[in-house]
Amino acid sequence: MSTTLLESETIYTGFAKENHPLLKLIEIKKQMAAEKVSVDRSKFLPTIAAFGKYELYPEYLSAIEPRWAVGVSLNLNLFNGLQDKANLQSSKLLEKEIGYIEQDASSKINLLVQKQYRASENSAERFRRGATSLELAEENLRLNEKRFDTGLGTSLEVVDARLMLEKNKIELKTSLYEYYKNFCQLLETSGKPEDFLRIWLMQGEKIK
C-alpha cells in the first residue's frame, strides 16, 4: 500500500479541462457567440452575386433577347438606423461575457479538483495508518489472550483488546469508504466517471 490509485493532480486538471460537461457547454456557447459576431460583421460588407445564362433553344427568343448573358450584382446597405452597429456591439459584448464565464468556471473547477485530490490523498494516508494500527491491535489481542490463558492476564484486558481491534476495523473500513467516495468525486469532476467502475470492480479492500 505504498502507492494509491491516484495519478498526478495535473492529469485530473487536464481531464477536467477537456471533459467537464459545464466547460463543454460553455465552449459550444462560445462558438455560437463567435459565429454571431461574424454574421453581424458581415452585414457591413457588400453582397456580391454573379449570374449567367445561355439559351439552348434560340428559336423561342424574341428579337431583343440575347442568347447568352453574364453579369455581376452588388448590394450594400448604407443606412438602416444604426441597427447593424448595435447588433454587432451586442454580439461582441456577449462573446466577451462568455469568455469571463469560461475563465471563472475553469478556475472554480480547478480548485474543486485540488480539493478532491487532497481529500483522496488524506483518506488514503488514513487507510495506510489504519492498516498498521489494525496489525498492532491484532497482535495486542493475541498477546492478551495468551496472557489470560497462562493466568497472567485478566479477562478485562482481553475484552479491551477485542474492543480496540473492532474499533480499528471500523476506522479502516471508514477510511476506505472515504477514499473511494473522494476518488469517485474527483473522477466525476474530471469528466471521467466511467473510470470508477473499473476501480469499484477491483477485488480486495486495499489501495494498490
C-alpha atoms as a PDB file:
ATOM      1  CA  MET A   1       0.000   0.000   0.000  1.00  0.00           C
ATOM      2  CA  SER A   2       2.881   2.328  -0.705  1.00  0.00           C
ATOM      3  CA  THR A   3       1.025   3.978  -3.589  1.00  0.00           C
ATOM      4  CA  THR A   4      -2.601   4.705  -4.406  1.00  0.00           C
ATOM      5  CA  LEU A   5      -4.815   4.603  -7.439  1.00  0.00           C
ATOM      6  CA  LEU A   6      -4.277   8.349  -7.780  1.00  0.00           C
ATOM      7  CA  GLU A   7      -2.281   9.765 -10.665  1.00  0.00           C
ATOM      8  CA  SER A   8      -0.735  13.237 -10.586  1.00  0.00           C
ATOM      9  CA  GLU A   9      -3.011  16.186  -9.885  1.00  0.00           C
ATOM     10  CA  THR A  10      -2.161  17.827 -13.223  1.00  0.00           C
ATOM     11  CA  ILE A  11      -3.614  14.839 -15.071  1.00  0.00           C
ATOM     12  CA  TYR A  12      -7.008  15.286 -13.426  1.00  0.00           C
ATOM     13  CA  THR A  13      -6.869  19.038 -14.033  1.00  0.00           C
ATOM     14  CA  GLY A  14      -6.273  18.320 -17.722  1.00  0.00           C
ATOM     15  CA  PHE A  15      -9.108  15.789 -17.821  1.00  0.00           C
ATOM     16  CA  ALA A  16     -11.466  18.322 -16.237  1.00  0.00           C
ATOM     17  CA  LYS A  17     -10.486  20.986 -18.768  1.00  0.00           C
ATOM     18  CA  GLU A  18     -11.192  18.622 -21.660  1.00  0.00           C
ATOM     19  CA  ASN A  19     -14.180  16.649 -20.391  1.00  0.00           C
ATOM     20  CA  HIS A  20     -16.163  18.572 -17.773  1.00  0.00           C
ATOM     21  CA  PRO A  21     -19.774  18.945 -19.053  1.00  0.00           C
ATOM     22  CA  LEU A  22     -20.047  22.576 -17.936  1.00  0.00           C
ATOM     23  CA  LEU A  23     -16.914  23.596 -19.817  1.00  0.00           C
ATOM     24  CA  LYS A  24     -18.100  21.734 -22.903  1.00  0.00           C
ATOM     25  CA  LEU A  25     -21.420  23.589 -22.766  1.00  0.00           C
ATOM     26  CA  ILE A  26     -19.630  26.925 -22.363  1.00  0.00           C
ATOM     27  CA  GLU A  27     -17.408  26.076 -25.335  1.00  0.00           C
ATOM     28  CA  ILE A  28     -20.494  25.487 -27.500  1.00  0.00           C
ATOM     29  CA  LYS A  29     -21.967  28.811 -26.368  1.00  0.00           C
ATOM     30  CA  LYS A  30     -18.621  30.475 -27.079  1.00  0.00           C
ATOM     31  CA  GLN A  31     -18.556  29.124 -30.637  1.00  0.00           C
ATOM     32  CA  MET A  32     -22.140  30.238 -31.219  1.00  0.00           C
ATOM     33  CA  ALA A  33     -21.312  33.746 -29.964  1.00  0.00           C
ATOM     34  CA  ALA A  34     -18.276  33.936 -32.260  1.00  0.00           C
ATOM     35  CA  GLU A  35     -20.398  32.859 -35.212  1.00  0.00           C
ATOM     36  CA  LYS A  36     -22.984  35.533 -34.392  1.00  0.00           C
ATOM     37  CA  VAL A  37     -20.236  38.191 -34.321  1.00  0.00           C
ATOM     38  CA  SER A  38     -19.093  37.028 -37.754  1.00  0.00           C
ATOM     39  CA  VAL A  39     -22.649  37.174 -39.117  1.00  0.00           C
ATOM     40  CA  ASP A  40     -23.297  40.646 -37.684  1.00  0.00           C
ATOM     41  CA  ARG A  41     -19.947  41.898 -39.006  1.00  0.00           C
ATOM     42  CA  SER A  42     -20.724  40.552 -42.469  1.00  0.00           C
ATOM     43  CA  LYS A  43     -23.738  42.867 -42.665  1.00  0.00           C
ATOM     44  CA  PHE A  44     -21.309  45.783 -43.109  1.00  0.00           C
ATOM     45  CA  LEU A  45     -19.826  44.159 -46.210  1.00  0.00           C
ATOM     46  CA  PRO A  46     -21.328  44.361 -49.698  1.00  0.00           C
ATOM     47  CA  THR A  47     -23.194  41.382 -51.062  1.00  0.00           C
ATOM     48  CA  ILE A  48     -21.796  40.392 -54.446  1.00  0.00           C
ATOM     49  CA  ALA A  49     -23.515  37.926 -56.755  1.00  0.00           C
ATOM     50  CA  ALA A  50     -22.641  36.718 -60.245  1.00  0.00           C
ATOM     51  CA  PHE A  51     -25.115  35.295 -62.717  1.00  0.00           C
ATOM     52  CA  GLY A  52     -25.098  33.891 -66.195  1.00  0.00           C
ATOM     53  CA  LYS A  53     -27.398  32.214 -68.702  1.00  0.00           C
ATOM     54  CA  TYR A  54     -27.280  30.526 -72.058  1.00  0.00           C
ATOM     55  CA  GLU A  55     -30.343  29.741 -74.131  1.00  0.00           C
ATOM     56  CA  LEU A  56     -30.332  26.269 -75.653  1.00  0.00           C
ATOM     57  CA  TYR A  57     -33.377  26.929 -77.816  1.00  0.00           C
ATOM     58  CA  PRO A  58     -32.814  30.293 -79.527  1.00  0.00           C
ATOM     59  CA  GLU A  59     -35.853  29.886 -81.738  1.00  0.00           C
ATOM     60  CA  TYR A  60     -38.046  30.706 -78.771  1.00  0.00           C
ATOM     61  CA  LEU A  61     -36.257  34.009 -78.082  1.00  0.00           C
ATOM     62  CA  SER A  62     -37.627  37.362 -79.155  1.00  0.00           C
ATOM     63  CA  ALA A  63     -35.620  39.693 -81.319  1.00  0.00           C
ATOM     64  CA  ILE A  64     -34.364  41.727 -78.354  1.00  0.00           C
ATOM     65  CA  GLU A  65     -33.466  38.812 -76.044  1.00  0.00           C
ATOM     66  CA  PRO A  66     -29.817  37.734 -76.099  1.00  0.00           C
ATOM     67  CA  ARG A  67     -28.863  34.088 -76.446  1.00  0.00           C
ATOM     68  CA  TRP A  68     -26.423  34.385 -73.562  1.00  0.00           C
ATOM     69  CA  ALA A  69     -25.762  36.853 -70.782  1.00  0.00           C
ATOM     70  CA  VAL A  70     -23.469  37.246 -67.758  1.00  0.00           C
ATOM     71  CA  GLY A  71     -23.422  39.836 -65.026  1.00  0.00           C
ATOM     72  CA  VAL A  72     -22.481  40.837 -61.505  1.00  0.00           C
ATOM     73  CA  SER A  73     -24.675  42.478 -58.884  1.00  0.00           C
ATOM     74  CA  LEU A  74     -23.595  44.341 -55.764  1.00  0.00           C
ATOM     75  CA  ASN A  75     -25.826  45.186 -52.825  1.00  0.00           C
ATOM     76  CA  LEU A  76     -24.679  47.450 -49.979  1.00  0.00           C
ATOM     77  CA  ASN A  77     -26.945  48.670 -47.190  1.00  0.00           C
ATOM     78  CA  LEU A  78     -25.710  52.199 -46.467  1.00  0.00           C
ATOM     79  CA  PHE A  79     -28.043  53.072 -43.601  1.00  0.00           C
ATOM     80  CA  ASN A  80     -30.598  51.209 -41.507  1.00  0.00           C
ATOM     81  CA  GLY A  81     -30.853  53.349 -38.406  1.00  0.00           C
ATOM     82  CA  LEU A  82     -27.527  52.058 -36.913  1.00  0.00           C
ATOM     83  CA  GLN A  83     -29.240  48.782 -36.046  1.00  0.00           C
ATOM     84  CA  ASP A  84     -26.439  46.692 -37.564  1.00  0.00           C
ATOM     85  CA  LYS A  85     -23.843  48.530 -35.457  1.00  0.00           C
ATOM     86  CA  ALA A  86     -25.890  47.996 -32.285  1.00  0.00           C
ATOM     87  CA  ASN A  87     -26.288  44.293 -33.089  1.00  0.00           C
ATOM     88  CA  LEU A  88     -22.552  43.892 -33.650  1.00  0.00           C
ATOM     89  CA  GLN A  89     -21.697  45.614 -30.364  1.00  0.00           C
ATOM     90  CA  SER A  90     -24.205  43.427 -28.541  1.00  0.00           C
ATOM     91  CA  SER A  91     -22.712  40.281 -30.073  1.00  0.00           C
ATOM     92  CA  LYS A  92     -19.182  41.323 -29.086  1.00  0.00           C
ATOM     93  CA  LEU A  93     -20.295  42.001 -25.515  1.00  0.00           C
ATOM     94  CA  LEU A  94     -21.947  38.578 -25.347  1.00  0.00           C
ATOM     95  CA  GLU A  95     -18.779  36.916 -26.655  1.00  0.00           C
ATOM     96  CA  LYS A  96     -16.688  38.732 -24.048  1.00  0.00           C
ATOM     97  CA  GLU A  97     -19.121  37.828 -21.261  1.00  0.00           C
ATOM     98  CA  ILE A  98     -18.985  34.151 -22.192  1.00  0.00           C
ATOM     99  CA  GLY A  99     -15.185  34.394 -22.075  1.00  0.00           C
ATOM    100  CA  TYR A 100     -15.363  35.711 -18.495  1.00  0.00           C
ATOM    101  CA  ILE A 101     -17.797  32.946 -17.560  1.00  0.00           C
ATOM    102  CA  GLU A 102     -15.412  30.367 -19.030  1.00  0.00           C
ATOM    103  CA  GLN A 103     -12.469  31.730 -17.031  1.00  0.00           C
ATOM    104  CA  ASP A 104     -14.480  31.743 -13.799  1.00  0.00           C
ATOM    105  CA  ALA A 105     -15.810  28.221 -14.355  1.00  0.00           C
ATOM    106  CA  SER A 106     -12.339  26.883 -15.206  1.00  0.00           C
ATOM    107  CA  SER A 107     -10.874  28.462 -12.055  1.00  0.00           C
ATOM    108  CA  LYS A 108     -13.578  27.018  -9.807  1.00  0.00           C
ATOM    109  CA  ILE A 109     -13.316  23.553 -11.379  1.00  0.00           C
ATOM    110  CA  ASN A 110      -9.536  23.588 -10.925  1.00  0.00           C
ATOM    111  CA  LEU A 111      -9.983  24.476  -7.256  1.00  0.00           C
ATOM    112  CA  LEU A 112     -12.523  21.676  -6.861  1.00  0.00           C
ATOM    113  CA  VAL A 113     -10.101  19.192  -8.442  1.00  0.00           C
ATOM    114  CA  GLN A 114      -7.394  20.313  -6.000  1.00  0.00           C
ATOM    115  CA  LYS A 115      -9.745  19.947  -3.026  1.00  0.00           C
ATOM    116  CA  GLN A 116     -10.935  16.478  -4.043  1.00  0.00           C
ATOM    117  CA  TYR A 117      -7.409  15.339  -4.850  1.00  0.00           C
ATOM    118  CA  ARG A 118      -6.174  16.405  -1.402  1.00  0.00           C
ATOM    119  CA  ALA A 119      -9.161  14.690   0.227  1.00  0.00           C
ATOM    120  CA  SER A 120      -8.353  11.474  -1.671  1.00  0.00           C
ATOM    121  CA  GLU A 121      -4.708  11.647  -0.624  1.00  0.00           C
ATOM    122  CA  ASN A 122      -5.604  12.254   3.033  1.00  0.00           C
ATOM    123  CA  SER A 123      -8.094   9.394   3.186  1.00  0.00           C
ATOM    124  CA  ALA A 124      -5.555   7.089   1.515  1.00  0.00           C
ATOM    125  CA  GLU A 125      -2.999   8.050   4.140  1.00  0.00           C
ATOM    126  CA  ARG A 126      -5.531   7.378   6.922  1.00  0.00           C
ATOM    127  CA  PHE A 127      -6.159   3.965   5.403  1.00  0.00           C
ATOM    128  CA  ARG A 128      -2.450   3.130   5.435  1.00  0.00           C
ATOM    129  CA  ARG A 129      -2.103   4.246   9.057  1.00  0.00           C
ATOM    130  CA  GLY A 130      -5.254   2.320   9.932  1.00  0.00           C
ATOM    131  CA  ALA A 131      -3.858  -0.861   8.375  1.00  0.00           C
ATOM    132  CA  THR A 132      -0.753  -0.555  10.546  1.00  0.00           C
ATOM    133  CA  SER A 133      -2.877   0.102  13.638  1.00  0.00           C
ATOM    134  CA  LEU A 134      -5.006  -2.938  12.825  1.00  0.00           C
ATOM    135  CA  GLU A 135      -1.947  -5.168  12.723  1.00  0.00           C
ATOM    136  CA  LEU A 136      -0.855  -3.842  16.123  1.00  0.00           C
ATOM    137  CA  ALA A 137      -4.361  -4.348  17.562  1.00  0.00           C
ATOM    138  CA  GLU A 138      -4.408  -7.947  16.317  1.00  0.00           C
ATOM    139  CA  GLU A 139      -1.027  -8.602  17.896  1.00  0.00           C
ATOM    140  CA  ASN A 140      -2.168  -6.942  21.127  1.00  0.00           C
ATOM    141  CA  LEU A 141      -5.229  -9.187  21.286  1.00  0.00           C
ATOM    142  CA  ARG A 142      -3.106 -12.278  20.659  1.00  0.00           C
ATOM    143  CA  LEU A 143      -0.742 -11.343  23.468  1.00  0.00           C
ATOM    144  CA  ASN A 144      -3.547 -10.583  25.933  1.00  0.00           C
ATOM    145  CA  GLU A 145      -5.320 -13.857  25.117  1.00  0.00           C
ATOM    146  CA  LYS A 146      -2.060 -15.699  25.676  1.00  0.00           C
ATOM    147  CA  ARG A 147      -1.510 -13.894  28.985  1.00  0.00           C
ATOM    148  CA  PHE A 148      -5.060 -14.758  30.034  1.00  0.00           C
ATOM    149  CA  ASP A 149      -4.601 -18.434  29.101  1.00  0.00           C
ATOM    150  CA  THR A 150      -1.452 -18.611  31.251  1.00  0.00           C
ATOM    151  CA  GLY A 151      -3.127 -16.835  34.165  1.00  0.00           C
ATOM    152  CA  LEU A 152      -1.001 -13.685  33.877  1.00  0.00           C
ATOM    153  CA  GLY A 153      -3.739 -11.527  32.459  1.00  0.00           C
ATOM    154  CA  THR A 154      -7.366 -10.706  33.142  1.00  0.00           C
ATOM    155  CA  SER A 155     -10.493 -11.151  31.095  1.00  0.00           C
ATOM    156  CA  LEU A 156     -10.998  -7.379  31.151  1.00  0.00           C
ATOM    157  CA  GLU A 157      -7.704  -6.906  29.324  1.00  0.00           C
ATOM    158  CA  VAL A 158      -8.834  -9.372  26.661  1.00  0.00           C
ATOM    159  CA  VAL A 159     -12.175  -7.570  26.272  1.00  0.00           C
ATOM    160  CA  ASP A 160     -10.409  -4.220  25.966  1.00  0.00           C
ATOM    161  CA  ALA A 161      -8.062  -5.655  23.345  1.00  0.00           C
ATOM    162  CA  ARG A 162     -11.002  -7.032  21.344  1.00  0.00           C
ATOM    163  CA  LEU A 163     -12.828  -3.699  21.513  1.00  0.00           C
ATOM    164  CA  MET A 164      -9.700  -1.922  20.321  1.00  0.00           C
ATOM    165  CA  LEU A 165      -9.420  -4.377  17.423  1.00  0.00           C
ATOM    166  CA  GLU A 166     -13.054  -3.805  16.404  1.00  0.00           C
ATOM    167  CA  LYS A 167     -12.543  -0.050  16.640  1.00  0.00           C
ATOM    168  CA  ASN A 168      -9.567  -0.261  14.305  1.00  0.00           C
ATOM    169  CA  LYS A 169     -11.527  -2.417  11.843  1.00  0.00           C
ATOM    170  CA  ILE A 170     -14.342   0.140  11.745  1.00  0.00           C
ATOM    171  CA  GLU A 171     -11.913   3.029  11.269  1.00  0.00           C
ATOM    172  CA  LEU A 172     -10.145   1.148   8.483  1.00  0.00           C
ATOM    173  CA  LYS A 173     -13.388   0.495   6.616  1.00  0.00           C
ATOM    174  CA  THR A 174     -14.461   4.105   7.148  1.00  0.00           C
ATOM    175  CA  SER A 175     -11.218   5.468   5.704  1.00  0.00           C
ATOM    176  CA  LEU A 176     -11.538   3.073   2.757  1.00  0.00           C
ATOM    177  CA  TYR A 177     -15.081   4.286   2.124  1.00  0.00           C
ATOM    178  CA  GLU A 178     -13.921   7.912   2.329  1.00  0.00           C
ATOM    179  CA  TYR A 179     -11.114   7.200  -0.112  1.00  0.00           C
ATOM    180  CA  TYR A 180     -13.390   5.701  -2.759  1.00  0.00           C
ATOM    181  CA  LYS A 181     -16.003   8.411  -2.238  1.00  0.00           C
ATOM    182  CA  ASN A 182     -13.455  11.200  -2.680  1.00  0.00           C
ATOM    183  CA  PHE A 183     -11.838   9.445  -5.619  1.00  0.00           C
ATOM    184  CA  CYS A 184     -15.228   8.958  -7.297  1.00  0.00           C
ATOM    185  CA  GLN A 185     -15.992  12.663  -6.884  1.00  0.00           C
ATOM    186  CA  LEU A 186     -12.579  13.518  -8.324  1.00  0.00           C
ATOM    187  CA  LEU A 187     -13.219  11.376 -11.394  1.00  0.00           C
ATOM    188  CA  GLU A 188     -16.664  12.905 -11.822  1.00  0.00           C
ATOM    189  CA  THR A 189     -15.234  16.436 -11.705  1.00  0.00           C
ATOM    190  CA  SER A 190     -12.552  15.336 -14.179  1.00  0.00           C
ATOM    191  CA  GLY A 191     -15.245  14.219 -16.600  1.00  0.00           C
ATOM    192  CA  LYS A 192     -14.232  10.547 -16.275  1.00  0.00           C
ATOM    193  CA  PRO A 193     -16.928   8.999 -14.045  1.00  0.00           C
ATOM    194  CA  GLU A 194     -16.934   5.769 -16.042  1.00  0.00           C
ATOM    195  CA  ASP A 195     -13.394   5.032 -14.834  1.00  0.00           C
ATOM    196  CA  PHE A 196     -14.717   4.453 -11.323  1.00  0.00           C
ATOM    197  CA  LEU A 197     -16.429   1.234 -12.452  1.00  0.00           C
ATOM    198  CA  ARG A 198     -13.032  -0.301 -13.139  1.00  0.00           C
ATOM    199  CA  ILE A 199     -11.879   0.650  -9.652  1.00  0.00           C
ATOM    200  CA  TRP A 200     -15.087  -0.485  -7.961  1.00  0.00           C
ATOM    201  CA  LEU A 201     -14.782  -3.939  -9.519  1.00  0.00           C
ATOM    202  CA  MET A 202     -11.260  -4.441  -8.213  1.00  0.00           C
ATOM    203  CA  GLN A 203     -11.119  -7.196  -5.640  1.00  0.00           C
ATOM    204  CA  GLY A 204      -9.848  -6.692  -2.114  1.00  0.00           C
ATOM    205  CA  GLU A 205     -10.051  -3.910   0.390  1.00  0.00           C
ATOM    206  CA  LYS A 206      -6.677  -2.435  -0.290  1.00  0.00           C
ATOM    207  CA  ILE A 207      -5.329   0.558  -2.144  1.00  0.00           C
ATOM    208  CA  LYS A 208      -2.727  -0.556  -4.630  1.00  0.00           C
END
